[in-house]
Amino acid sequence: MAKKLFKCSVCNFIWEGDNPPEICPKCGQKHDVFKELPLETVEKVYGSEKTNDIHAEIISLTSKMIALSKRGIELDLDPACVKGFKQTIEEAYIIKQRAKAEIENHIAKEKW
């Protein structure tokens, strides 16, 4: 069975354990601002954890692609390279935004 999850009503931090923390690790509020999440929500959170991690990694990788492409543009070796780097930036941005949107959708469905 999944562990209990408690959500801070101030900053939305989620705590895993038998009881809420004495102090929120994110915003410093006392334990009484935490609400225990219902089992259905807990199952959603645990069920989507791996895909959320994958989306986060995609966001990280696309940020690296954009940074590398900007370095390539600065080198300005030849027009074809510069064009390719510019296209990579545009495409990576789309992929990055798609992953961000999916994480946002998960959060809206209580699958954070």
PDB file of N, CA and C in Angstrom:
ATOM      1  N   MET A   1       0.835  -1.192   0.000  1.00  0.00           N
ATOM      2  CA  MET A   1       0.000   0.000   0.000  1.00  0.00           C
ATOM      3  C   MET A   1       0.877   1.252   0.000  1.00  0.00           C
ATOM      4  N   ALA A   2       0.408   2.271  -0.681  1.00  0.00           N
ATOM      5  CA  ALA A   2       1.141   3.530  -0.766  1.00  0.00           C
ATOM      6  C   ALA A   2       1.193   4.206   0.596  1.00  0.00           C
ATOM      7  N   LYS A   3       2.250   4.958   0.798  1.00  0.00           N
ATOM      8  CA  LYS A   3       2.377   5.727   2.032  1.00  0.00           C
ATOM      9  C   LYS A   3       1.391   6.886   2.015  1.00  0.00           C
ATOM     10  N   LYS A   4       1.195   7.483   3.176  1.00  0.00           N
ATOM     11  CA  LYS A   4       0.334   8.665   3.259  1.00  0.00           C
ATOM     12  C   LYS A   4       1.074   9.859   2.655  1.00  0.00           C
ATOM     13  N   LEU A   5       0.304  10.734   2.020  1.00  0.00           N
ATOM     14  CA  LEU A   5       0.850  11.979   1.494  1.00  0.00           C
ATOM     15  C   LEU A   5       0.083  13.137   2.100  1.00  0.00           C
ATOM     16  N   PHE A   6       0.833  14.186   2.444  1.00  0.00           N
ATOM     17  CA  PHE A   6       0.261  15.392   3.026  1.00  0.00           C
ATOM     18  C   PHE A   6       0.693  16.578   2.163  1.00  0.00           C
ATOM     19  N   LYS A   7      -0.256  17.458   1.870  1.00  0.00           N
ATOM     20  CA  LYS A   7       0.018  18.612   1.017  1.00  0.00           C
ATOM     21  C   LYS A   7      -0.065  19.890   1.841  1.00  0.00           C
ATOM     22  N   CYS A   8       0.957  20.727   1.710  1.00  0.00           N
ATOM     23  CA  CYS A   8       0.959  22.034   2.364  1.00  0.00           C
ATOM     24  C   CYS A   8      -0.032  22.934   1.634  1.00  0.00           C
ATOM     25  N   SER A   9      -0.962  23.505   2.364  1.00  0.00           N
ATOM     26  CA  SER A   9      -1.975  24.362   1.749  1.00  0.00           C
ATOM     27  C   SER A   9      -1.428  25.755   1.421  1.00  0.00           C
ATOM     28  N   VAL A  10      -0.209  26.041   1.844  1.00  0.00           N
ATOM     29  CA  VAL A  10       0.398  27.344   1.555  1.00  0.00           C
ATOM     30  C   VAL A  10       1.220  27.289   0.261  1.00  0.00           C
ATOM     31  N   CYS A  11       2.107  26.278   0.150  1.00  0.00           N
ATOM     32  CA  CYS A  11       3.030  26.244  -0.987  1.00  0.00           C
ATOM     33  C   CYS A  11       2.877  25.015  -1.882  1.00  0.00           C
ATOM     34  N   ASN A  12       1.980  24.094  -1.526  1.00  0.00           N
ATOM     35  CA  ASN A  12       1.702  22.872  -2.294  1.00  0.00           C
ATOM     36  C   ASN A  12       2.791  21.809  -2.203  1.00  0.00           C
ATOM     37  N   PHE A  13       3.728  21.958  -1.298  1.00  0.00           N
ATOM     38  CA  PHE A  13       4.740  20.917  -1.091  1.00  0.00           C
ATOM     39  C   PHE A  13       4.045  19.637  -0.630  1.00  0.00           C
ATOM     40  N   ILE A  14       4.511  18.495  -1.150  1.00  0.00           N
ATOM     41  CA  ILE A  14       3.925  17.213  -0.757  1.00  0.00           C
ATOM     42  C   ILE A  14       4.918  16.461   0.117  1.00  0.00           C
ATOM     43  N   TRP A  15       4.437  16.008   1.259  1.00  0.00           N
ATOM     44  CA  TRP A  15       5.235  15.276   2.242  1.00  0.00           C
ATOM     45  C   TRP A  15       4.757  13.839   2.296  1.00  0.00           C
ATOM     46  N   GLU A  16       5.710  12.911   2.282  1.00  0.00           N
ATOM     47  CA  GLU A  16       5.392  11.492   2.375  1.00  0.00           C
ATOM     48  C   GLU A  16       5.761  11.000   3.768  1.00  0.00           C
ATOM     49  N   GLY A  17       4.823  10.336   4.436  1.00  0.00           N
ATOM     50  CA  GLY A  17       5.099   9.798   5.765  1.00  0.00           C
ATOM     51  C   GLY A  17       3.821   9.444   6.498  1.00  0.00           C
ATOM     52  N   ASP A  18       3.981   9.010   7.737  1.00  0.00           N
ATOM     53  CA  ASP A  18       2.811   8.659   8.547  1.00  0.00           C
ATOM     54  C   ASP A  18       2.094   9.892   9.069  1.00  0.00           C
ATOM     55  N   ASN A  19       2.836  10.982   9.211  1.00  0.00           N
ATOM     56  CA  ASN A  19       2.298  12.251   9.726  1.00  0.00           C
ATOM     57  C   ASN A  19       2.921  13.393   8.946  1.00  0.00           C
ATOM     58  N   PRO A  20       2.283  14.553   8.943  1.00  0.00           N
ATOM     59  CA  PRO A  20       2.909  15.704   8.276  1.00  0.00           C
ATOM     60  C   PRO A  20       4.162  16.132   9.044  1.00  0.00           C
ATOM     61  N   PRO A  21       5.070  16.855   8.381  1.00  0.00           N
ATOM     62  CA  PRO A  21       6.263  17.328   9.083  1.00  0.00           C
ATOM     63  C   PRO A  21       5.889  18.415  10.090  1.00  0.00           C
ATOM     64  N   GLU A  22       6.741  18.599  11.074  1.00  0.00           N
ATOM     65  CA  GLU A  22       6.501  19.674  12.048  1.00  0.00           C
ATOM     66  C   GLU A  22       6.542  21.043  11.365  1.00  0.00           C
ATOM     67  N   ILE A  23       7.472  21.183  10.421  1.00  0.00           N
ATOM     68  CA  ILE A  23       7.654  22.431   9.672  1.00  0.00           C
ATOM     69  C   ILE A  23       7.762  22.070   8.192  1.00  0.00           C
ATOM     70  N   CYS A  24       7.088  22.814   7.328  1.00  0.00           N
ATOM     71  CA  CYS A  24       7.167  22.562   5.893  1.00  0.00           C
ATOM     72  C   CYS A  24       8.591  22.813   5.402  1.00  0.00           C
ATOM     73  N   PRO A  25       9.204  21.833   4.727  1.00  0.00           N
ATOM     74  CA  PRO A  25      10.568  22.009   4.225  1.00  0.00           C
ATOM     75  C   PRO A  25      10.701  23.097   3.159  1.00  0.00           C
ATOM     76  N   LYS A  26       9.587  23.476   2.534  1.00  0.00           N
ATOM     77  CA  LYS A  26       9.661  24.488   1.483  1.00  0.00           C
ATOM     78  C   LYS A  26       9.372  25.889   2.001  1.00  0.00           C
ATOM     79  N   CYS A  27       8.256  26.058   2.710  1.00  0.00           N
ATOM     80  CA  CYS A  27       7.852  27.422   3.090  1.00  0.00           C
ATOM     81  C   CYS A  27       7.979  27.718   4.583  1.00  0.00           C
ATOM     82  N   GLY A  28       8.276  26.698   5.398  1.00  0.00           N
ATOM     83  CA  GLY A  28       8.501  26.929   6.819  1.00  0.00           C
ATOM     84  C   GLY A  28       7.256  27.031   7.683  1.00  0.00           C
ATOM     85  N   GLN A  29       6.085  26.789   7.096  1.00  0.00           N
ATOM     86  CA  GLN A  29       4.851  26.850   7.883  1.00  0.00           C
ATOM     87  C   GLN A  29       4.763  25.651   8.828  1.00  0.00           C
ATOM     88  N   LYS A  30       3.975  25.802   9.882  1.00  0.00           N
ATOM     89  CA  LYS A  30       3.799  24.718  10.848  1.00  0.00           C
ATOM     90  C   LYS A  30       2.939  23.599  10.264  1.00  0.00           C
ATOM     91  N   HIS A  31       2.999  22.446  10.917  1.00  0.00           N
ATOM     92  CA  HIS A  31       2.339  21.227  10.432  1.00  0.00           C
ATOM     93  C   HIS A  31       0.834  21.358  10.234  1.00  0.00           C
ATOM     94  N   ASP A  32       0.212  22.290  10.914  1.00  0.00           N
ATOM     95  CA  ASP A  32      -1.251  22.370  10.823  1.00  0.00           C
ATOM     96  C   ASP A  32      -1.761  22.886   9.481  1.00  0.00           C
ATOM     97  N   VAL A  33      -0.869  23.344   8.592  1.00  0.00           N
ATOM     98  CA  VAL A  33      -1.306  23.765   7.260  1.00  0.00           C
ATOM     99  C   VAL A  33      -1.337  22.590   6.278  1.00  0.00           C
ATOM    100  N   PHE A  34      -0.880  21.416   6.726  1.00  0.00           N
ATOM    101  CA  PHE A  34      -0.875  20.229   5.864  1.00  0.00           C
ATOM    102  C   PHE A  34      -2.207  19.513   5.927  1.00  0.00           C
ATOM    103  N   LYS A  35      -2.657  19.050   4.775  1.00  0.00           N
ATOM    104  CA  LYS A  35      -3.882  18.259   4.675  1.00  0.00           C
ATOM    105  C   LYS A  35      -3.505  16.907   4.082  1.00  0.00           C
ATOM    106  N   GLU A  36      -4.029  15.833   4.662  1.00  0.00           N
ATOM    107  CA  GLU A  36      -3.768  14.508   4.107  1.00  0.00           C
ATOM    108  C   GLU A  36      -4.527  14.352   2.796  1.00  0.00           C
ATOM    109  N   LEU A  37      -3.837  13.830   1.788  1.00  0.00           N
ATOM    110  CA  LEU A  37      -4.460  13.626   0.488  1.00  0.00           C
ATOM    111  C   LEU A  37      -5.265  12.326   0.503  1.00  0.00           C
ATOM    112  N   PRO A  38      -6.412  12.320  -0.174  1.00  0.00           N
ATOM    113  CA  PRO A  38      -7.215  11.096  -0.234  1.00  0.00           C
ATOM    114  C   PRO A  38      -6.493  10.010  -1.033  1.00  0.00           C
ATOM    115  N   LEU A  39      -6.826   8.765  -0.758  1.00  0.00           N
ATOM    116  CA  LEU A  39      -6.176   7.616  -1.390  1.00  0.00           C
ATOM    117  C   LEU A  39      -6.188   7.720  -2.909  1.00  0.00           C
ATOM    118  N   GLU A  40      -7.288   8.149  -3.491  1.00  0.00           N
ATOM    119  CA  GLU A  40      -7.374   8.283  -4.950  1.00  0.00           C
ATOM    120  C   GLU A  40      -6.299   9.232  -5.478  1.00  0.00           C
ATOM    121  N   THR A  41      -6.082  10.334  -4.794  1.00  0.00           N
ATOM    122  CA  THR A  41      -5.062  11.296  -5.201  1.00  0.00           C
ATOM    123  C   THR A  41      -3.672  10.720  -4.995  1.00  0.00           C
ATOM    124  N   VAL A  42      -3.468  10.017  -3.886  1.00  0.00           N
ATOM    125  CA  VAL A  42      -2.169   9.391  -3.613  1.00  0.00           C
ATOM    126  C   VAL A  42      -1.820   8.421  -4.743  1.00  0.00           C
ATOM    127  N   GLU A  43      -2.776   7.633  -5.172  1.00  0.00           N
ATOM    128  CA  GLU A  43      -2.535   6.686  -6.264  1.00  0.00           C
ATOM    129  C   GLU A  43      -2.179   7.406  -7.552  1.00  0.00           C
ATOM    130  N   LYS A  44      -2.811   8.541  -7.822  1.00  0.00           N
ATOM    131  CA  LYS A  44      -2.481   9.334  -9.007  1.00  0.00           C
ATOM    132  C   LYS A  44      -1.056   9.859  -8.922  1.00  0.00           C
ATOM    133  N   VAL A  45      -0.686  10.349  -7.746  1.00  0.00           N
ATOM    134  CA  VAL A  45       0.659  10.906  -7.557  1.00  0.00           C
ATOM    135  C   VAL A  45       1.713   9.834  -7.816  1.00  0.00           C
ATOM    136  N   TYR A  46       1.572   8.689  -7.170  1.00  0.00           N
ATOM    137  CA  TYR A  46       2.552   7.618  -7.353  1.00  0.00           C
ATOM    138  C   TYR A  46       2.508   7.051  -8.770  1.00  0.00           C
ATOM    139  N   GLY A  47       1.331   6.957  -9.360  1.00  0.00           N
ATOM    140  CA  GLY A  47       1.202   6.411 -10.699  1.00  0.00           C
ATOM    141  C   GLY A  47       1.848   7.261 -11.774  1.00  0.00           C
ATOM    142  N   SER A  48       1.916   8.549 -11.568  1.00  0.00           N
ATOM    143  CA  SER A  48       2.471   9.447 -12.586  1.00  0.00           C
ATOM    144  C   SER A  48       3.904   9.877 -12.285  1.00  0.00           C
ATOM    145  N   GLU A  49       4.462   9.401 -11.206  1.00  0.00           N
ATOM    146  CA  GLU A  49       5.806   9.841 -10.797  1.00  0.00           C
ATOM    147  C   GLU A  49       6.861   9.589 -11.878  1.00  0.00           C
ATOM    148  N   LYS A  50       6.844   8.404 -12.471  1.00  0.00           N
ATOM    149  CA  LYS A  50       7.864   8.086 -13.481  1.00  0.00           C
ATOM    150  C   LYS A  50       7.712   8.943 -14.730  1.00  0.00           C
ATOM    151  N   THR A  51       6.466   9.137 -15.197  1.00  0.00           N
ATOM    152  CA  THR A  51       6.315   9.948 -16.400  1.00  0.00           C
ATOM    153  C   THR A  51       6.640  11.420 -16.123  1.00  0.00           C
ATOM    154  N   ASN A  52       6.335  11.910 -14.937  1.00  0.00           N
ATOM    155  CA  ASN A  52       6.719  13.281 -14.594  1.00  0.00           C
ATOM    156  C   ASN A  52       8.236  13.430 -14.617  1.00  0.00           C
ATOM    157  N   ASP A  53       8.951  12.416 -14.097  1.00  0.00           N
ATOM    158  CA  ASP A  53      10.417  12.448 -14.123  1.00  0.00           C
ATOM    159  C   ASP A  53      10.941  12.450 -15.554  1.00  0.00           C
ATOM    160  N   ILE A  54      10.289  11.674 -16.429  1.00  0.00           N
ATOM    161  CA  ILE A  54      10.699  11.645 -17.836  1.00  0.00           C
ATOM    162  C   ILE A  54      10.488  13.019 -18.476  1.00  0.00           C
ATOM    163  N   HIS A  55       9.331  13.629 -18.224  1.00  0.00           N
ATOM    164  CA  HIS A  55       9.082  14.972 -18.770  1.00  0.00           C
ATOM    165  C   HIS A  55      10.115  15.967 -18.244  1.00  0.00           C
ATOM    166  N   ALA A  56      10.462  15.883 -16.977  1.00  0.00           N
ATOM    167  CA  ALA A  56      11.467  16.786 -16.402  1.00  0.00           C
ATOM    168  C   ALA A  56      12.819  16.584 -17.078  1.00  0.00           C
ATOM    169  N   GLU A  57      13.174  15.343 -17.360  1.00  0.00           N
ATOM    170  CA  GLU A  57      14.446  15.060 -18.039  1.00  0.00           C
ATOM    171  C   GLU A  57      14.425  15.595 -19.469  1.00  0.00           C
ATOM    172  N   ILE A  58      13.288  15.457 -20.151  1.00  0.00           N
ATOM    173  CA  ILE A  58      13.171  16.012 -21.503  1.00  0.00           C
ATOM    174  C   ILE A  58      13.368  17.526 -21.471  1.00  0.00           C
ATOM    175  N   ILE A  59      12.795  18.192 -20.480  1.00  0.00           N
ATOM    176  CA  ILE A  59      12.970  19.641 -20.341  1.00  0.00           C
ATOM    177  C   ILE A  59      14.443  19.976 -20.152  1.00  0.00           C
ATOM    178  N   SER A  60      15.124  19.205 -19.319  1.00  0.00           N
ATOM    179  CA  SER A  60      16.556  19.425 -19.088  1.00  0.00           C
ATOM    180  C   SER A  60      17.360  19.211 -20.369  1.00  0.00           C
ATOM    181  N   LEU A  61      17.062  18.139 -21.083  1.00  0.00           N
ATOM    182  CA  LEU A  61      17.805  17.847 -22.314  1.00  0.00           C
ATOM    183  C   LEU A  61      17.566  18.905 -23.383  1.00  0.00           C
ATOM    184  N   THR A  62      16.347  19.370 -23.528  1.00  0.00           N
ATOM    185  CA  THR A  62      16.091  20.393 -24.536  1.00  0.00           C
ATOM    186  C   THR A  62      16.784  21.705 -24.167  1.00  0.00           C
ATOM    187  N   SER A  63      16.880  22.007 -22.890  1.00  0.00           N
ATOM    188  CA  SER A  63      17.619  23.209 -22.467  1.00  0.00           C
ATOM    189  C   SER A  63      19.083  23.087 -22.870  1.00  0.00           C
ATOM    190  N   LYS A  64      19.643  21.905 -22.733  1.00  0.00           N
ATOM    191  CA  LYS A  64      21.039  21.675 -23.150  1.00  0.00           C
ATOM    192  C   LYS A  64      21.179  21.799 -24.660  1.00  0.00           C
ATOM    193  N   MET A  65      20.206  21.270 -25.402  1.00  0.00           N
ATOM    194  CA  MET A  65      20.235  21.380 -26.865  1.00  0.00           C
ATOM    195  C   MET A  65      20.209  22.843 -27.304  1.00  0.00           C
ATOM    196  N   ILE A  66      19.379  23.632 -26.651  1.00  0.00           N
ATOM    197  CA  ILE A  66      19.285  25.051 -26.986  1.00  0.00           C
ATOM    198  C   ILE A  66      20.604  25.753 -26.698  1.00  0.00           C
ATOM    199  N   ALA A  67      21.195  25.469 -25.539  1.00  0.00           N
ATOM    200  CA  ALA A  67      22.474  26.099 -25.182  1.00  0.00           C
ATOM    201  C   ALA A  67      23.577  25.694 -26.154  1.00  0.00           C
ATOM    202  N   LEU A  68      23.642  24.419 -26.510  1.00  0.00           N
ATOM    203  CA  LEU A  68      24.654  23.961 -27.472  1.00  0.00           C
ATOM    204  C   LEU A  68      24.449  24.614 -28.833  1.00  0.00           C
ATOM    205  N   SER A  69      23.217  24.715 -29.257  1.00  0.00           N
ATOM    206  CA  SER A  69      22.934  25.317 -30.553  1.00  0.00           C
ATOM    207  C   SER A  69      23.316  26.795 -30.570  1.00  0.00           C
ATOM    208  N   LYS A  70      23.095  27.478 -29.465  1.00  0.00           N
ATOM    209  CA  LYS A  70      23.504  28.890 -29.386  1.00  0.00           C
ATOM    210  C   LYS A  70      25.018  29.014 -29.504  1.00  0.00           C
ATOM    211  N   ARG A  71      25.744  28.085 -28.895  1.00  0.00           N
ATOM    212  CA  ARG A  71      27.214  28.094 -29.031  1.00  0.00           C
ATOM    213  C   ARG A  71      27.607  27.859 -30.479  1.00  0.00           C
ATOM    214  N   GLY A  72      26.893  26.956 -31.146  1.00  0.00           N
ATOM    215  CA  GLY A  72      27.177  26.695 -32.554  1.00  0.00           C
ATOM    216  C   GLY A  72      26.924  27.902 -33.426  1.00  0.00           C
ATOM    217  N   ILE A  73      25.861  28.628 -33.123  1.00  0.00           N
ATOM    218  CA  ILE A  73      25.559  29.850 -33.883  1.00  0.00           C
ATOM    219  C   ILE A  73      26.674  30.874 -33.688  1.00  0.00           C
ATOM    220  N   GLU A  74      27.146  30.998 -32.441  1.00  0.00           N
ATOM    221  CA  GLU A  74      28.232  31.956 -32.163  1.00  0.00           C
ATOM    222  C   GLU A  74      29.499  31.619 -32.944  1.00  0.00           C
ATOM    223  N   LEU A  75      29.777  30.318 -33.151  1.00  0.00           N
ATOM    224  CA  LEU A  75      30.961  29.923 -33.912  1.00  0.00           C
ATOM    225  C   LEU A  75      30.845  30.335 -35.369  1.00  0.00           C
ATOM    226  N   ASP A  76      29.614  30.374 -35.884  1.00  0.00           N
ATOM    227  CA  ASP A  76      29.334  30.860 -37.239  1.00  0.00           C
ATOM    228  C   ASP A  76      30.255  30.231 -38.279  1.00  0.00           C
ATOM    229  N   LEU A  77      30.357  28.881 -38.248  1.00  0.00           N
ATOM    230  CA  LEU A  77      31.257  28.180 -39.170  1.00  0.00           C
ATOM    231  C   LEU A  77      30.819  28.318 -40.616  1.00  0.00           C
ATOM    232  N   ASP A  78      29.563  28.043 -40.876  1.00  0.00           N
ATOM    233  CA  ASP A  78      29.045  28.248 -42.229  1.00  0.00           C
ATOM    234  C   ASP A  78      27.526  28.378 -42.155  1.00  0.00           C
ATOM    235  N   PRO A  79      26.915  28.934 -43.206  1.00  0.00           N
ATOM    236  CA  PRO A  79      25.471  29.183 -43.176  1.00  0.00           C
ATOM    237  C   PRO A  79      24.628  27.933 -42.921  1.00  0.00           C
ATOM    238  N   ALA A  80      25.014  26.797 -43.462  1.00  0.00           N
ATOM    239  CA  ALA A  80      24.229  25.575 -43.260  1.00  0.00           C
ATOM    240  C   ALA A  80      24.236  25.157 -41.791  1.00  0.00           C
ATOM    241  N   CYS A  81      25.377  25.263 -41.134  1.00  0.00           N
ATOM    242  CA  CYS A  81      25.458  24.937 -39.702  1.00  0.00           C
ATOM    243  C   CYS A  81      24.590  25.888 -38.895  1.00  0.00           C
ATOM    244  N   VAL A  82      24.705  27.169 -39.161  1.00  0.00           N
ATOM    245  CA  VAL A  82      23.928  28.168 -38.433  1.00  0.00           C
ATOM    246  C   VAL A  82      22.434  27.905 -38.619  1.00  0.00           C
ATOM    247  N   LYS A  83      22.029  27.612 -39.854  1.00  0.00           N
ATOM    248  CA  LYS A  83      20.626  27.309 -40.130  1.00  0.00           C
ATOM    249  C   LYS A  83      20.178  26.084 -39.333  1.00  0.00           C
ATOM    250  N   GLY A  84      20.999  25.044 -39.319  1.00  0.00           N
ATOM    251  CA  GLY A  84      20.677  23.830 -38.574  1.00  0.00           C
ATOM    252  C   GLY A  84      20.548  24.091 -37.077  1.00  0.00           C
ATOM    253  N   PHE A  85      21.458  24.894 -36.539  1.00  0.00           N
ATOM    254  CA  PHE A  85      21.393  25.231 -35.105  1.00  0.00           C
ATOM    255  C   PHE A  85      20.138  26.043 -34.785  1.00  0.00           C
ATOM    256  N   LYS A  86      19.784  26.965 -35.659  1.00  0.00           N
ATOM    257  CA  LYS A  86      18.564  27.759 -35.446  1.00  0.00           C
ATOM    258  C   LYS A  86      17.322  26.866 -35.478  1.00  0.00           C
ATOM    259  N   GLN A  87      17.292  25.910 -36.403  1.00  0.00           N
ATOM    260  CA  GLN A  87      16.164  24.977 -36.457  1.00  0.00           C
ATOM    261  C   GLN A  87      16.100  24.116 -35.196  1.00  0.00           C
ATOM    262  N   THR A  88      17.261  23.704 -34.724  1.00  0.00           N
ATOM    263  CA  THR A  88      17.308  22.899 -33.500  1.00  0.00           C
ATOM    264  C   THR A  88      16.729  23.676 -32.322  1.00  0.00           C
ATOM    265  N   ILE A  89      17.064  24.949 -32.230  1.00  0.00           N
ATOM    266  CA  ILE A  89      16.527  25.785 -31.147  1.00  0.00           C
ATOM    267  C   ILE A  89      15.000  25.841 -31.236  1.00  0.00           C
ATOM    268  N   GLU A  90      14.479  26.090 -32.420  1.00  0.00           N
ATOM    269  CA  GLU A  90      13.021  26.166 -32.592  1.00  0.00           C
ATOM    270  C   GLU A  90      12.340  24.849 -32.228  1.00  0.00           C
ATOM    271  N   GLU A  91      12.885  23.743 -32.710  1.00  0.00           N
ATOM    272  CA  GLU A  91      12.285  22.438 -32.452  1.00  0.00           C
ATOM    273  C   GLU A  91      12.424  22.027 -30.994  1.00  0.00           C
ATOM    274  N   ALA A  92      13.574  22.306 -30.402  1.00  0.00           N
ATOM    275  CA  ALA A  92      13.781  21.971 -28.990  1.00  0.00           C
ATOM    276  C   ALA A  92      12.832  22.771 -28.107  1.00  0.00           C
ATOM    277  N   TYR A  93      12.592  24.020 -28.456  1.00  0.00           N
ATOM    278  CA  TYR A  93      11.676  24.851 -27.680  1.00  0.00           C
ATOM    279  C   TYR A  93      10.264  24.256 -27.708  1.00  0.00           C
ATOM    280  N   ILE A  94       9.848  23.785 -28.875  1.00  0.00           N
ATOM    281  CA  ILE A  94       8.518  23.163 -28.985  1.00  0.00           C
ATOM    282  C   ILE A  94       8.442  21.916 -28.112  1.00  0.00           C
ATOM    283  N   ILE A  95       9.451  21.074 -28.182  1.00  0.00           N
ATOM    284  CA  ILE A  95       9.477  19.858 -27.362  1.00  0.00           C
ATOM    285  C   ILE A  95       9.478  20.214 -25.876  1.00  0.00           C
ATOM    286  N   LYS A  96      10.271  21.208 -25.516  1.00  0.00           N
ATOM    287  CA  LYS A  96      10.349  21.647 -24.118  1.00  0.00           C
ATOM    288  C   LYS A  96       8.995  22.142 -23.631  1.00  0.00           C
ATOM    289  N   GLN A  97       8.335  22.964 -24.416  1.00  0.00           N
ATOM    290  CA  GLN A  97       7.033  23.503 -24.021  1.00  0.00           C
ATOM    291  C   GLN A  97       5.971  22.405 -23.951  1.00  0.00           C
ATOM    292  N   ARG A  98       6.058  21.410 -24.845  1.00  0.00           N
ATOM    293  CA  ARG A  98       5.123  20.298 -24.809  1.00  0.00           C
ATOM    294  C   ARG A  98       5.271  19.528 -23.496  1.00  0.00           C
ATOM    295  N   ALA A  99       6.506  19.275 -23.077  1.00  0.00           N
ATOM    296  CA  ALA A  99       6.745  18.560 -21.822  1.00  0.00           C
ATOM    297  C   ALA A  99       6.260  19.385 -20.627  1.00  0.00           C
ATOM    298  N   LYS A 100       6.492  20.679 -20.649  1.00  0.00           N
ATOM    299  CA  LYS A 100       6.004  21.547 -19.567  1.00  0.00           C
ATOM    300  C   LYS A 100       4.481  21.524 -19.491  1.00  0.00           C
ATOM    301  N   ALA A 101       3.839  21.571 -20.662  1.00  0.00           N
ATOM    302  CA  ALA A 101       2.378  21.552 -20.693  1.00  0.00           C
ATOM    303  C   ALA A 101       1.844  20.239 -20.129  1.00  0.00           C
ATOM    304  N   GLU A 102       2.525  19.143 -20.417  1.00  0.00           N
ATOM    305  CA  GLU A 102       2.066  17.852 -19.910  1.00  0.00           C
ATOM    306  C   GLU A 102       2.214  17.784 -18.389  1.00  0.00           C
ATOM    307  N   ILE A 103       3.295  18.323 -17.858  1.00  0.00           N
ATOM    308  CA  ILE A 103       3.451  18.379 -16.397  1.00  0.00           C
ATOM    309  C   ILE A 103       2.343  19.235 -15.797  1.00  0.00           C
ATOM    310  N   GLU A 104       2.055  20.370 -16.437  1.00  0.00           N
ATOM    311  CA  GLU A 104       0.978  21.229 -15.939  1.00  0.00           C
ATOM    312  C   GLU A 104      -0.360  20.484 -15.953  1.00  0.00           C
ATOM    313  N   ASN A 105      -0.599  19.725 -17.018  1.00  0.00           N
ATOM    314  CA  ASN A 105      -1.832  18.926 -17.085  1.00  0.00           C
ATOM    315  C   ASN A 105      -1.882  17.887 -15.970  1.00  0.00           C
ATOM    316  N   HIS A 106      -0.753  17.265 -15.694  1.00  0.00           N
ATOM    317  CA  HIS A 106      -0.704  16.288 -14.599  1.00  0.00           C
ATOM    318  C   HIS A 106      -1.042  16.963 -13.268  1.00  0.00           C
ATOM    319  N   ILE A 107      -0.479  18.118 -13.040  1.00  0.00           N
ATOM    320  CA  ILE A 107      -0.728  18.830 -11.786  1.00  0.00           C
ATOM    321  C   ILE A 107      -2.208  19.180 -11.668  1.00  0.00           C
ATOM    322  N   ALA A 108      -2.799  19.626 -12.765  1.00  0.00           N
ATOM    323  CA  ALA A 108      -4.227  19.976 -12.731  1.00  0.00           C
ATOM    324  C   ALA A 108      -5.097  18.769 -12.420  1.00  0.00           C
ATOM    325  N   LYS A 109      -4.615  17.581 -12.758  1.00  0.00           N
ATOM    326  CA  LYS A 109      -5.358  16.348 -12.499  1.00  0.00           C
ATOM    327  C   LYS A 109      -4.886  15.674 -11.215  1.00  0.00           C
ATOM    328  N   GLU A 110      -4.158  16.425 -10.377  1.00  0.00           N
ATOM    329  CA  GLU A 110      -3.619  15.943  -9.095  1.00  0.00           C
ATOM    330  C   GLU A 110      -2.660  14.775  -9.270  1.00  0.00           C
ATOM    331  N   LYS A 111      -1.900  14.785 -10.379  1.00  0.00           N
ATOM    332  CA  LYS A 111      -0.918  13.731 -10.641  1.00  0.00           C
ATOM    333  C   LYS A 111       0.495  14.328 -10.615  1.00  0.00           C
ATOM    334  N   TRP A 112       0.801  15.032  -9.517  1.00  0.00           N
ATOM    335  CA  TRP A 112       2.118  15.652  -9.431  1.00  0.00           C
ATOM    336  C   TRP A 112       2.992  14.789  -8.640  1.00  0.00           C
TER     337      TRP A 112
END
